[in-house]
Amino acid sequence: MTIGKPFQSGNHGGRPKMLAEVQELARQHTTDAVETLVSIMRSPKVAAAARVSAANALLDRGYGKAPQHQHITGEGGPQFGERMPNVCATVDEWVASIADTQARAPNGITHKE
């Protein structure tokens, strides 16, 4: 006797064929695309913002995107976006922990469920 349904992955057919075809067509123009980005980057007639954008696109593709580091600190050290709830033995202990969390929230901002 089987209870429930057997496990099935969420991707039955693999990558859609159309997506693979579009990727292949785009890859056939890689050299032209890179040459276009280089010409935009080097052209003094092109707006500076477009030249920077082209340079960034070339660097991203050649070396990967630069890591995005976020250093967020506050009173008492780093603050993290999520905090695991404390296990409380009583309702009073739970209420006190909520009050403590709200009191420590920076700028009066609290997490709303």
PDB file of N, CA and C in Angstrom:
ATOM      1  N   MET A   1       0.838  -1.170   0.000  1.00  0.00           N
ATOM      2  CA  MET A   1       0.000   0.000   0.000  1.00  0.00           C
ATOM      3  C   MET A   1       0.890   1.242   0.000  1.00  0.00           C
ATOM      4  N   THR A   2       0.644   2.189  -0.908  1.00  0.00           N
ATOM      5  CA  THR A   2       1.412   3.421  -0.989  1.00  0.00           C
ATOM      6  C   THR A   2       0.574   4.565  -0.448  1.00  0.00           C
ATOM      7  N   ILE A   3       1.156   5.330   0.441  1.00  0.00           N
ATOM      8  CA  ILE A   3       0.467   6.491   0.991  1.00  0.00           C
ATOM      9  C   ILE A   3       1.086   7.726   0.357  1.00  0.00           C
ATOM     10  N   GLY A   4       0.250   8.582  -0.148  1.00  0.00           N
ATOM     11  CA  GLY A   4       0.730   9.803  -0.775  1.00  0.00           C
ATOM     12  C   GLY A   4       1.262   9.532  -2.173  1.00  0.00           C
ATOM     13  N   LYS A   5       1.890  10.526  -2.727  1.00  0.00           N
ATOM     14  CA  LYS A   5       2.442  10.427  -4.081  1.00  0.00           C
ATOM     15  C   LYS A   5       3.942  10.196  -4.003  1.00  0.00           C
ATOM     16  N   PRO A   6       4.497   9.470  -4.969  1.00  0.00           N
ATOM     17  CA  PRO A   6       5.954   9.314  -4.979  1.00  0.00           C
ATOM     18  C   PRO A   6       6.619  10.658  -5.265  1.00  0.00           C
ATOM     19  N   PHE A   7       7.855  10.813  -4.783  1.00  0.00           N
ATOM     20  CA  PHE A   7       8.575  12.066  -4.980  1.00  0.00           C
ATOM     21  C   PHE A   7       8.834  12.318  -6.459  1.00  0.00           C
ATOM     22  N   GLN A   8       8.611  13.562  -6.887  1.00  0.00           N
ATOM     23  CA  GLN A   8       8.933  13.972  -8.252  1.00  0.00           C
ATOM     24  C   GLN A   8       9.665  15.300  -8.178  1.00  0.00           C
ATOM     25  N   SER A   9      10.722  15.424  -8.945  1.00  0.00           N
ATOM     26  CA  SER A   9      11.456  16.689  -8.938  1.00  0.00           C
ATOM     27  C   SER A   9      10.614  17.758  -9.627  1.00  0.00           C
ATOM     28  N   GLY A  10      10.978  18.998  -9.434  1.00  0.00           N
ATOM     29  CA  GLY A  10      10.236  20.101 -10.022  1.00  0.00           C
ATOM     30  C   GLY A  10      10.592  20.384 -11.464  1.00  0.00           C
ATOM     31  N   ASN A  11      11.588  19.698 -12.017  1.00  0.00           N
ATOM     32  CA  ASN A  11      12.030  19.981 -13.381  1.00  0.00           C
ATOM     33  C   ASN A  11      12.007  18.683 -14.184  1.00  0.00           C
ATOM     34  N   HIS A  12      10.836  18.302 -14.650  1.00  0.00           N
ATOM     35  CA  HIS A  12      10.669  17.019 -15.326  1.00  0.00           C
ATOM     36  C   HIS A  12      11.350  16.955 -16.690  1.00  0.00           C
ATOM     37  N   GLY A  13      11.259  18.018 -17.462  1.00  0.00           N
ATOM     38  CA  GLY A  13      11.784  17.967 -18.822  1.00  0.00           C
ATOM     39  C   GLY A  13      13.161  18.564 -18.975  1.00  0.00           C
ATOM     40  N   GLY A  14      13.779  18.970 -17.890  1.00  0.00           N
ATOM     41  CA  GLY A  14      15.081  19.618 -18.002  1.00  0.00           C
ATOM     42  C   GLY A  14      14.927  21.036 -18.507  1.00  0.00           C
ATOM     43  N   ARG A  15      16.004  21.605 -18.975  1.00  0.00           N
ATOM     44  CA  ARG A  15      15.993  22.971 -19.489  1.00  0.00           C
ATOM     45  C   ARG A  15      15.135  23.025 -20.754  1.00  0.00           C
ATOM     46  N   PRO A  16      14.269  24.023 -20.871  1.00  0.00           N
ATOM     47  CA  PRO A  16      13.436  24.114 -22.076  1.00  0.00           C
ATOM     48  C   PRO A  16      14.294  24.231 -23.331  1.00  0.00           C
ATOM     49  N   LYS A  17      13.893  23.555 -24.390  1.00  0.00           N
ATOM     50  CA  LYS A  17      14.662  23.542 -25.632  1.00  0.00           C
ATOM     51  C   LYS A  17      14.810  24.946 -26.202  1.00  0.00           C
ATOM     52  N   MET A  18      13.754  25.747 -26.111  1.00  0.00           N
ATOM     53  CA  MET A  18      13.797  27.100 -26.670  1.00  0.00           C
ATOM     54  C   MET A  18      14.882  27.926 -25.985  1.00  0.00           C
ATOM     55  N   LEU A  19      15.026  27.810 -24.686  1.00  0.00           N
ATOM     56  CA  LEU A  19      16.050  28.557 -23.963  1.00  0.00           C
ATOM     57  C   LEU A  19      17.438  28.155 -24.451  1.00  0.00           C
ATOM     58  N   ALA A  20      17.672  26.885 -24.632  1.00  0.00           N
ATOM     59  CA  ALA A  20      18.969  26.406 -25.121  1.00  0.00           C
ATOM     60  C   ALA A  20      19.248  26.951 -26.521  1.00  0.00           C
ATOM     61  N   GLU A  21      18.238  27.011 -27.364  1.00  0.00           N
ATOM     62  CA  GLU A  21      18.424  27.541 -28.717  1.00  0.00           C
ATOM     63  C   GLU A  21      18.757  29.027 -28.689  1.00  0.00           C
ATOM     64  N   VAL A  22      18.074  29.783 -27.843  1.00  0.00           N
ATOM     65  CA  VAL A  22      18.342  31.216 -27.723  1.00  0.00           C
ATOM     66  C   VAL A  22      19.753  31.445 -27.191  1.00  0.00           C
ATOM     67  N   GLN A  23      20.154  30.648 -26.199  1.00  0.00           N
ATOM     68  CA  GLN A  23      21.519  30.781 -25.671  1.00  0.00           C
ATOM     69  C   GLN A  23      22.552  30.497 -26.755  1.00  0.00           C
ATOM     70  N   GLU A  24      22.334  29.478 -27.544  1.00  0.00           N
ATOM     71  CA  GLU A  24      23.275  29.137 -28.611  1.00  0.00           C
ATOM     72  C   GLU A  24      23.355  30.261 -29.635  1.00  0.00           C
ATOM     73  N   LEU A  25      22.214  30.827 -30.016  1.00  0.00           N
ATOM     74  CA  LEU A  25      22.226  31.944 -30.969  1.00  0.00           C
ATOM     75  C   LEU A  25      22.978  33.142 -30.390  1.00  0.00           C
ATOM     76  N   ALA A  26      22.744  33.441 -29.116  1.00  0.00           N
ATOM     77  CA  ALA A  26      23.436  34.569 -28.485  1.00  0.00           C
ATOM     78  C   ALA A  26      24.938  34.319 -28.431  1.00  0.00           C
ATOM     79  N   ARG A  27      25.337  33.091 -28.143  1.00  0.00           N
ATOM     80  CA  ARG A  27      26.761  32.773 -28.032  1.00  0.00           C
ATOM     81  C   ARG A  27      27.475  32.888 -29.375  1.00  0.00           C
ATOM     82  N   GLN A  28      26.758  32.748 -30.459  1.00  0.00           N
ATOM     83  CA  GLN A  28      27.364  32.907 -31.778  1.00  0.00           C
ATOM     84  C   GLN A  28      27.793  34.352 -32.019  1.00  0.00           C
ATOM     85  N   HIS A  29      27.263  35.285 -31.233  1.00  0.00           N
ATOM     86  CA  HIS A  29      27.581  36.706 -31.410  1.00  0.00           C
ATOM     87  C   HIS A  29      28.460  37.250 -30.281  1.00  0.00           C
ATOM     88  N   THR A  30      29.073  36.374 -29.531  1.00  0.00           N
ATOM     89  CA  THR A  30      29.881  36.797 -28.393  1.00  0.00           C
ATOM     90  C   THR A  30      31.017  37.715 -28.813  1.00  0.00           C
ATOM     91  N   THR A  31      31.739  37.348 -29.846  1.00  0.00           N
ATOM     92  CA  THR A  31      32.878  38.163 -30.292  1.00  0.00           C
ATOM     93  C   THR A  31      32.413  39.552 -30.701  1.00  0.00           C
ATOM     94  N   ASP A  32      31.334  39.623 -31.490  1.00  0.00           N
ATOM     95  CA  ASP A  32      30.811  40.932 -31.913  1.00  0.00           C
ATOM     96  C   ASP A  32      30.361  41.759 -30.704  1.00  0.00           C
ATOM     97  N   ALA A  33      29.718  41.096 -29.743  1.00  0.00           N
ATOM     98  CA  ALA A  33      29.217  41.810 -28.567  1.00  0.00           C
ATOM     99  C   ALA A  33      30.370  42.385 -27.754  1.00  0.00           C
ATOM    100  N   VAL A  34      31.414  41.600 -27.564  1.00  0.00           N
ATOM    101  CA  VAL A  34      32.567  42.076 -26.803  1.00  0.00           C
ATOM    102  C   VAL A  34      33.251  43.217 -27.551  1.00  0.00           C
ATOM    103  N   GLU A  35      33.403  43.075 -28.858  1.00  0.00           N
ATOM    104  CA  GLU A  35      34.016  44.147 -29.658  1.00  0.00           C
ATOM    105  C   GLU A  35      33.186  45.429 -29.589  1.00  0.00           C
ATOM    106  N   THR A  36      31.860  45.307 -29.567  1.00  0.00           N
ATOM    107  CA  THR A  36      30.988  46.472 -29.452  1.00  0.00           C
ATOM    108  C   THR A  36      31.177  47.146 -28.097  1.00  0.00           C
ATOM    109  N   LEU A  37      31.223  46.338 -27.036  1.00  0.00           N
ATOM    110  CA  LEU A  37      31.447  46.910 -25.707  1.00  0.00           C
ATOM    111  C   LEU A  37      32.796  47.625 -25.638  1.00  0.00           C
ATOM    112  N   VAL A  38      33.826  47.028 -26.241  1.00  0.00           N
ATOM    113  CA  VAL A  38      35.154  47.655 -26.238  1.00  0.00           C
ATOM    114  C   VAL A  38      35.119  48.977 -27.004  1.00  0.00           C
ATOM    115  N   SER A  39      34.436  49.009 -28.141  1.00  0.00           N
ATOM    116  CA  SER A  39      34.385  50.253 -28.927  1.00  0.00           C
ATOM    117  C   SER A  39      33.621  51.347 -28.181  1.00  0.00           C
ATOM    118  N   ILE A  40      32.566  50.979 -27.474  1.00  0.00           N
ATOM    119  CA  ILE A  40      31.829  51.963 -26.673  1.00  0.00           C
ATOM    120  C   ILE A  40      32.719  52.475 -25.541  1.00  0.00           C
ATOM    121  N   MET A  41      33.410  51.558 -24.884  1.00  0.00           N
ATOM    122  CA  MET A  41      34.263  51.930 -23.760  1.00  0.00           C
ATOM    123  C   MET A  41      35.375  52.888 -24.198  1.00  0.00           C
ATOM    124  N   ARG A  42      35.919  52.697 -25.390  1.00  0.00           N
ATOM    125  CA  ARG A  42      37.060  53.495 -25.849  1.00  0.00           C
ATOM    126  C   ARG A  42      36.680  54.783 -26.570  1.00  0.00           C
ATOM    127  N   SER A  43      35.427  54.922 -26.958  1.00  0.00           N
ATOM    128  CA  SER A  43      35.024  56.072 -27.763  1.00  0.00           C
ATOM    129  C   SER A  43      34.851  57.332 -26.920  1.00  0.00           C
ATOM    130  N   PRO A  44      35.601  58.395 -27.245  1.00  0.00           N
ATOM    131  CA  PRO A  44      35.438  59.653 -26.513  1.00  0.00           C
ATOM    132  C   PRO A  44      34.122  60.362 -26.855  1.00  0.00           C
ATOM    133  N   LYS A  45      33.474  59.946 -27.940  1.00  0.00           N
ATOM    134  CA  LYS A  45      32.217  60.570 -28.361  1.00  0.00           C
ATOM    135  C   LYS A  45      31.013  60.037 -27.579  1.00  0.00           C
ATOM    136  N   VAL A  46      31.193  58.915 -26.906  1.00  0.00           N
ATOM    137  CA  VAL A  46      30.101  58.283 -26.166  1.00  0.00           C
ATOM    138  C   VAL A  46      30.059  58.863 -24.752  1.00  0.00           C
ATOM    139  N   ALA A  47      28.862  58.978 -24.197  1.00  0.00           N
ATOM    140  CA  ALA A  47      28.699  59.511 -22.844  1.00  0.00           C
ATOM    141  C   ALA A  47      29.526  58.692 -21.852  1.00  0.00           C
ATOM    142  N   ALA A  48      30.037  59.377 -20.849  1.00  0.00           N
ATOM    143  CA  ALA A  48      30.882  58.720 -19.851  1.00  0.00           C
ATOM    144  C   ALA A  48      30.144  57.571 -19.166  1.00  0.00           C
ATOM    145  N   ALA A  49      28.856  57.748 -18.876  1.00  0.00           N
ATOM    146  CA  ALA A  49      28.091  56.693 -18.201  1.00  0.00           C
ATOM    147  C   ALA A  49      28.031  55.428 -19.047  1.00  0.00           C
ATOM    148  N   ALA A  50      27.893  55.580 -20.365  1.00  0.00           N
ATOM    149  CA  ALA A  50      27.851  54.421 -21.258  1.00  0.00           C
ATOM    150  C   ALA A  50      29.214  53.745 -21.318  1.00  0.00           C
ATOM    151  N   ARG A  51      30.294  54.539 -21.287  1.00  0.00           N
ATOM    152  CA  ARG A  51      31.640  53.965 -21.308  1.00  0.00           C
ATOM    153  C   ARG A  51      31.914  53.177 -20.029  1.00  0.00           C
ATOM    154  N   VAL A  52      31.490  53.716 -18.892  1.00  0.00           N
ATOM    155  CA  VAL A  52      31.664  53.015 -17.620  1.00  0.00           C
ATOM    156  C   VAL A  52      30.838  51.733 -17.613  1.00  0.00           C
ATOM    157  N   SER A  53      29.623  51.809 -18.111  1.00  0.00           N
ATOM    158  CA  SER A  53      28.759  50.632 -18.159  1.00  0.00           C
ATOM    159  C   SER A  53      29.371  49.537 -19.031  1.00  0.00           C
ATOM    160  N   ALA A  54      29.917  49.913 -20.179  1.00  0.00           N
ATOM    161  CA  ALA A  54      30.556  48.941 -21.063  1.00  0.00           C
ATOM    162  C   ALA A  54      31.788  48.333 -20.394  1.00  0.00           C
ATOM    163  N   ALA A  55      32.573  49.171 -19.722  1.00  0.00           N
ATOM    164  CA  ALA A  55      33.770  48.668 -19.028  1.00  0.00           C
ATOM    165  C   ALA A  55      33.371  47.684 -17.932  1.00  0.00           C
ATOM    166  N   ASN A  56      32.333  48.028 -17.164  1.00  0.00           N
ATOM    167  CA  ASN A  56      31.861  47.124 -16.106  1.00  0.00           C
ATOM    168  C   ASN A  56      31.366  45.802 -16.686  1.00  0.00           C
ATOM    169  N   ALA A  57      30.643  45.862 -17.804  1.00  0.00           N
ATOM    170  CA  ALA A  57      30.140  44.635 -18.426  1.00  0.00           C
ATOM    171  C   ALA A  57      31.305  43.745 -18.853  1.00  0.00           C
ATOM    172  N   LEU A  58      32.349  44.337 -19.410  1.00  0.00           N
ATOM    173  CA  LEU A  58      33.517  43.555 -19.824  1.00  0.00           C
ATOM    174  C   LEU A  58      34.221  42.935 -18.618  1.00  0.00           C
ATOM    175  N   LEU A  59      34.408  43.720 -17.574  1.00  0.00           N
ATOM    176  CA  LEU A  59      35.066  43.193 -16.377  1.00  0.00           C
ATOM    177  C   LEU A  59      34.239  42.085 -15.725  1.00  0.00           C
ATOM    178  N   ASP A  60      32.920  42.285 -15.659  1.00  0.00           N
ATOM    179  CA  ASP A  60      32.048  41.269 -15.059  1.00  0.00           C
ATOM    180  C   ASP A  60      32.136  39.951 -15.805  1.00  0.00           C
ATOM    181  N   ARG A  61      32.179  40.016 -17.112  1.00  0.00           N
ATOM    182  CA  ARG A  61      32.222  38.788 -17.904  1.00  0.00           C
ATOM    183  C   ARG A  61      33.608  38.159 -17.911  1.00  0.00           C
ATOM    184  N   GLY A  62      34.630  38.993 -17.798  1.00  0.00           N
ATOM    185  CA  GLY A  62      35.992  38.464 -17.804  1.00  0.00           C
ATOM    186  C   GLY A  62      36.450  37.917 -16.464  1.00  0.00           C
ATOM    187  N   TYR A  63      35.998  38.564 -15.377  1.00  0.00           N
ATOM    188  CA  TYR A  63      36.493  38.182 -14.055  1.00  0.00           C
ATOM    189  C   TYR A  63      35.395  37.823 -13.066  1.00  0.00           C
ATOM    190  N   GLY A  64      34.151  37.938 -13.464  1.00  0.00           N
ATOM    191  CA  GLY A  64      33.039  37.710 -12.541  1.00  0.00           C
ATOM    192  C   GLY A  64      32.712  39.000 -11.814  1.00  0.00           C
ATOM    193  N   LYS A  65      31.498  39.092 -11.336  1.00  0.00           N
ATOM    194  CA  LYS A  65      31.078  40.306 -10.638  1.00  0.00           C
ATOM    195  C   LYS A  65      31.821  40.429  -9.315  1.00  0.00           C
ATOM    196  N   ALA A  66      32.117  41.660  -8.960  1.00  0.00           N
ATOM    197  CA  ALA A  66      32.791  41.929  -7.687  1.00  0.00           C
ATOM    198  C   ALA A  66      31.863  41.535  -6.545  1.00  0.00           C
ATOM    199  N   PRO A  67      32.424  40.951  -5.473  1.00  0.00           N
ATOM    200  CA  PRO A  67      31.564  40.575  -4.343  1.00  0.00           C
ATOM    201  C   PRO A  67      30.954  41.807  -3.690  1.00  0.00           C
ATOM    202  N   GLN A  68      29.737  41.667  -3.248  1.00  0.00           N
ATOM    203  CA  GLN A  68      29.032  42.760  -2.578  1.00  0.00           C
ATOM    204  C   GLN A  68      29.119  42.529  -1.075  1.00  0.00           C
ATOM    205  N   HIS A  69      29.985  43.274  -0.419  1.00  0.00           N
ATOM    206  CA  HIS A  69      30.152  43.138   1.029  1.00  0.00           C
ATOM    207  C   HIS A  69      29.296  44.180   1.726  1.00  0.00           C
ATOM    208  N   GLN A  70      28.640  43.768   2.777  1.00  0.00           N
ATOM    209  CA  GLN A  70      27.857  44.699   3.583  1.00  0.00           C
ATOM    210  C   GLN A  70      28.343  44.598   5.014  1.00  0.00           C
ATOM    211  N   HIS A  71      28.805  45.704   5.530  1.00  0.00           N
ATOM    212  CA  HIS A  71      29.277  45.741   6.907  1.00  0.00           C
ATOM    213  C   HIS A  71      28.310  46.633   7.680  1.00  0.00           C
ATOM    214  N   ILE A  72      27.414  46.017   8.401  1.00  0.00           N
ATOM    215  CA  ILE A  72      26.389  46.752   9.131  1.00  0.00           C
ATOM    216  C   ILE A  72      26.675  46.601  10.615  1.00  0.00           C
ATOM    217  N   THR A  73      26.852  47.732  11.277  1.00  0.00           N
ATOM    218  CA  THR A  73      27.109  47.673  12.710  1.00  0.00           C
ATOM    219  C   THR A  73      26.172  48.621  13.432  1.00  0.00           C
ATOM    220  N   GLY A  74      26.061  48.436  14.669  1.00  0.00           N
ATOM    221  CA  GLY A  74      25.247  49.290  15.528  1.00  0.00           C
ATOM    222  C   GLY A  74      25.775  49.162  16.935  1.00  0.00           C
ATOM    223  N   GLU A  75      24.997  49.601  17.881  1.00  0.00           N
ATOM    224  CA  GLU A  75      25.424  49.464  19.267  1.00  0.00           C
ATOM    225  C   GLU A  75      25.626  47.996  19.603  1.00  0.00           C
ATOM    226  N   GLY A  76      26.746  47.681  20.171  1.00  0.00           N
ATOM    227  CA  GLY A  76      26.996  46.311  20.581  1.00  0.00           C
ATOM    228  C   GLY A  76      27.512  45.413  19.475  1.00  0.00           C
ATOM    229  N   GLY A  77      27.851  45.948  18.315  1.00  0.00           N
ATOM    230  CA  GLY A  77      28.423  45.129  17.254  1.00  0.00           C
ATOM    231  C   GLY A  77      27.497  44.923  16.083  1.00  0.00           C
ATOM    232  N   PRO A  78      27.825  43.959  15.215  1.00  0.00           N
ATOM    233  CA  PRO A  78      27.049  43.746  13.999  1.00  0.00           C
ATOM    234  C   PRO A  78      25.582  43.407  14.301  1.00  0.00           C
ATOM    235  N   GLN A  79      24.721  43.883  13.431  1.00  0.00           N
ATOM    236  CA  GLN A  79      23.296  43.587  13.541  1.00  0.00           C
ATOM    237  C   GLN A  79      22.915  42.727  12.340  1.00  0.00           C
ATOM    238  N   PHE A  80      22.156  41.700  12.566  1.00  0.00           N
ATOM    239  CA  PHE A  80      21.761  40.795  11.503  1.00  0.00           C
ATOM    240  C   PHE A  80      20.276  40.952  11.227  1.00  0.00           C
ATOM    241  N   GLY A  81      19.883  40.688   9.984  1.00  0.00           N
ATOM    242  CA  GLY A  81      18.495  40.897   9.563  1.00  0.00           C
ATOM    243  C   GLY A  81      17.503  39.981  10.243  1.00  0.00           C
ATOM    244  N   GLU A  82      17.899  38.790  10.552  1.00  0.00           N
ATOM    245  CA  GLU A  82      16.991  37.835  11.182  1.00  0.00           C
ATOM    246  C   GLU A  82      17.599  37.360  12.486  1.00  0.00           C
ATOM    247  N   ARG A  83      16.759  37.101  13.433  1.00  0.00           N
ATOM    248  CA  ARG A  83      17.220  36.601  14.719  1.00  0.00           C
ATOM    249  C   ARG A  83      16.336  35.430  15.096  1.00  0.00           C
ATOM    250  N   MET A  84      16.950  34.333  15.464  1.00  0.00           N
ATOM    251  CA  MET A  84      16.187  33.163  15.864  1.00  0.00           C
ATOM    252  C   MET A  84      15.507  33.451  17.190  1.00  0.00           C
ATOM    253  N   PRO A  85      14.266  33.029  17.334  1.00  0.00           N
ATOM    254  CA  PRO A  85      13.556  33.297  18.590  1.00  0.00           C
ATOM    255  C   PRO A  85      14.144  32.501  19.746  1.00  0.00           C
ATOM    256  N   ASN A  86      14.072  33.089  20.913  1.00  0.00           N
ATOM    257  CA  ASN A  86      14.510  32.394  22.129  1.00  0.00           C
ATOM    258  C   ASN A  86      13.405  31.433  22.566  1.00  0.00           C
ATOM    259  N   VAL A  87      13.792  30.316  23.111  1.00  0.00           N
ATOM    260  CA  VAL A  87      12.824  29.382  23.665  1.00  0.00           C
ATOM    261  C   VAL A  87      12.488  29.865  25.071  1.00  0.00           C
ATOM    262  N   CYS A  88      11.218  30.072  25.326  1.00  0.00           N
ATOM    263  CA  CYS A  88      10.781  30.599  26.615  1.00  0.00           C
ATOM    264  C   CYS A  88       9.977  29.537  27.354  1.00  0.00           C
ATOM    265  N   ALA A  89      10.187  29.481  28.670  1.00  0.00           N
ATOM    266  CA  ALA A  89       9.483  28.496  29.494  1.00  0.00           C
ATOM    267  C   ALA A  89       8.090  28.970  29.874  1.00  0.00           C
ATOM    268  N   THR A  90       7.892  30.314  29.961  1.00  0.00           N
ATOM    269  CA  THR A  90       6.590  30.835  30.379  1.00  0.00           C
ATOM    270  C   THR A  90       6.159  31.962  29.455  1.00  0.00           C
ATOM    271  N   VAL A  91       4.885  32.303  29.542  1.00  0.00           N
ATOM    272  CA  VAL A  91       4.361  33.422  28.755  1.00  0.00           C
ATOM    273  C   VAL A  91       5.024  34.718  29.198  1.00  0.00           C
ATOM    274  N   ASP A  92       5.208  34.903  30.501  1.00  0.00           N
ATOM    275  CA  ASP A  92       5.845  36.121  31.006  1.00  0.00           C
ATOM    276  C   ASP A  92       7.265  36.276  30.456  1.00  0.00           C
ATOM    277  N   GLU A  93       7.982  35.178  30.387  1.00  0.00           N
ATOM    278  CA  GLU A  93       9.342  35.204  29.829  1.00  0.00           C
ATOM    279  C   GLU A  93       9.304  35.588  28.349  1.00  0.00           C
ATOM    280  N   TRP A  94       8.321  35.086  27.618  1.00  0.00           N
ATOM    281  CA  TRP A  94       8.164  35.404  26.199  1.00  0.00           C
ATOM    282  C   TRP A  94       7.850  36.882  26.002  1.00  0.00           C
ATOM    283  N   VAL A  95       6.920  37.427  26.798  1.00  0.00           N
ATOM    284  CA  VAL A  95       6.559  38.844  26.707  1.00  0.00           C
ATOM    285  C   VAL A  95       7.778  39.709  27.008  1.00  0.00           C
ATOM    286  N   ALA A  96       8.549  39.323  28.011  1.00  0.00           N
ATOM    287  CA  ALA A  96       9.753  40.079  28.360  1.00  0.00           C
ATOM    288  C   ALA A  96      10.770  40.043  27.221  1.00  0.00           C
ATOM    289  N   SER A  97      10.898  38.905  26.536  1.00  0.00           N
ATOM    290  CA  SER A  97      11.857  38.818  25.427  1.00  0.00           C
ATOM    291  C   SER A  97      11.437  39.701  24.263  1.00  0.00           C
ATOM    292  N   ILE A  98      10.126  39.833  24.032  1.00  0.00           N
ATOM    293  CA  ILE A  98       9.642  40.721  22.964  1.00  0.00           C
ATOM    294  C   ILE A  98       9.950  42.166  23.317  1.00  0.00           C
ATOM    295  N   ALA A  99       9.694  42.549  24.551  1.00  0.00           N
ATOM    296  CA  ALA A  99       9.984  43.911  24.995  1.00  0.00           C
ATOM    297  C   ALA A  99      11.474  44.207  24.864  1.00  0.00           C
ATOM    298  N   ASP A 100      12.316  43.243  25.203  1.00  0.00           N
ATOM    299  CA  ASP A 100      13.766  43.402  25.100  1.00  0.00           C
ATOM    300  C   ASP A 100      14.180  43.594  23.644  1.00  0.00           C
ATOM    301  N   THR A 101      13.600  42.804  22.742  1.00  0.00           N
ATOM    302  CA  THR A 101      13.912  42.914  21.310  1.00  0.00           C
ATOM    303  C   THR A 101      13.521  44.275  20.778  1.00  0.00           C
ATOM    304  N   GLN A 102      12.353  44.759  21.139  1.00  0.00           N
ATOM    305  CA  GLN A 102      11.893  46.066  20.666  1.00  0.00           C
ATOM    306  C   GLN A 102      12.741  47.192  21.233  1.00  0.00           C
ATOM    307  N   ALA A 103      13.184  47.045  22.459  1.00  0.00           N
ATOM    308  CA  ALA A 103      14.020  48.076  23.081  1.00  0.00           C
ATOM    309  C   ALA A 103      15.377  48.178  22.394  1.00  0.00           C
ATOM    310  N   ARG A 104      15.887  47.061  21.881  1.00  0.00           N
ATOM    311  CA  ARG A 104      17.201  47.055  21.227  1.00  0.00           C
ATOM    312  C   ARG A 104      17.137  47.377  19.750  1.00  0.00           C
ATOM    313  N   ALA A 105      15.933  47.519  19.171  1.00  0.00           N
ATOM    314  CA  ALA A 105      15.799  47.769  17.734  1.00  0.00           C
ATOM    315  C   ALA A 105      16.370  49.156  17.404  1.00  0.00           C
ATOM    316  N   PRO A 106      17.219  49.245  16.350  1.00  0.00           N
ATOM    317  CA  PRO A 106      17.806  50.541  15.990  1.00  0.00           C
ATOM    318  C   PRO A 106      16.725  51.476  15.450  1.00  0.00           C
ATOM    319  N   ASN A 107      16.780  52.734  15.838  1.00  0.00           N
ATOM    320  CA  ASN A 107      15.873  53.772  15.341  1.00  0.00           C
ATOM    321  C   ASN A 107      14.408  53.451  15.572  1.00  0.00           C
ATOM    322  N   GLY A 108      14.107  52.637  16.542  1.00  0.00           N
ATOM    323  CA  GLY A 108      12.708  52.315  16.829  1.00  0.00           C
ATOM    324  C   GLY A 108      12.066  51.405  15.821  1.00  0.00           C
ATOM    325  N   ILE A 109      12.844  50.846  14.901  1.00  0.00           N
ATOM    326  CA  ILE A 109      12.303  49.955  13.883  1.00  0.00           C
ATOM    327  C   ILE A 109      12.186  48.561  14.478  1.00  0.00           C
ATOM    328  N   THR A 110      11.031  47.969  14.333  1.00  0.00           N
ATOM    329  CA  THR A 110      10.842  46.624  14.852  1.00  0.00           C
ATOM    330  C   THR A 110      10.415  45.696  13.730  1.00  0.00           C
ATOM    331  N   HIS A 111      10.634  44.430  13.940  1.00  0.00           N
ATOM    332  CA  HIS A 111      10.245  43.411  12.962  1.00  0.00           C
ATOM    333  C   HIS A 111       8.775  43.106  13.136  1.00  0.00           C
ATOM    334  N   LYS A 112       8.006  43.183  12.050  1.00  0.00           N
ATOM    335  CA  LYS A 112       6.585  42.869  12.114  1.00  0.00           C
ATOM    336  C   LYS A 112       6.338  41.533  11.451  1.00  0.00           C
ATOM    337  N   GLU A 113       5.606  40.677  12.094  1.00  0.00           N
ATOM    338  CA  GLU A 113       5.299  39.358  11.561  1.00  0.00           C
ATOM    339  C   GLU A 113       4.193  39.463  10.552  1.00  0.00           C
TER     340      GLU A 113
END
